[in-house]
């Protein structure tokens, strides 16, 4: 059975206990692959955005610039590992000799690993991939994108709002593209479904320098260093480059 059919079956209600057990094992394997690949990758800033923009598109060029400037702060640029915005951010990091990692997803179309990655892992399940993209990041930059990008944005926002993770900075980049989204978020505030203070969780901007300054200030306010906290364990055959 191909990967797409397996996932459809997984989401199609109750399965036999054996099938559910096998899915659990596959999920655990996905997590272990991600942990092993990304444990020494950070500290990271994750850039979310569409896979569909070519390298000549203004959104691609801006993401490339953001990748360069965030990498200059000493962060690893993490993306979903694919083309478009993801490729641009990874490419920008590599242009200034920064570190660049990707957490790719198995899809029947569109997604393929970009060539600007120092490390990458390919994940079967979206929810595992989202967890990994958030787990290793100190900040999130949301570039123009589609359903997947919005899913990742609101996942991060919900985790911060409910204090499941620290109040890491989230930047929504490109006011014009996100205008309707910004208005919708404001409508939620007006309706009382989110708090006024929740708007403080987001910086909305068109400025790369403002993005970099916001992330730098927020991270420094947390008292978080930019250096790796853990050492490889020889008995697990780990090294920082593996």
Foldseek 3Di string as FASTA:
>chain_A
DDLVVLVVVVPPDDDPPVSVVVVVVLLVVLLVQLCQFCVLQWLAEEEEAAQPDDCVDPLLQVLLCLLQLLQVVVTEYEYQQFHDSLLSSLNSNVVNPGAYEHEHEDDPDRGDGHPSHLTYDYGSDPVSSLCSSPVNYQEYEQGYHDPSSVVSVVVVLVCCLVVVDDLRAYEYEDCVSCVVVVVVVVVCCVVVVDDPCSVVSYHYYHDSVVVNVVNVVVCVVVVDDGHNDDQDDVVVVGHSSD
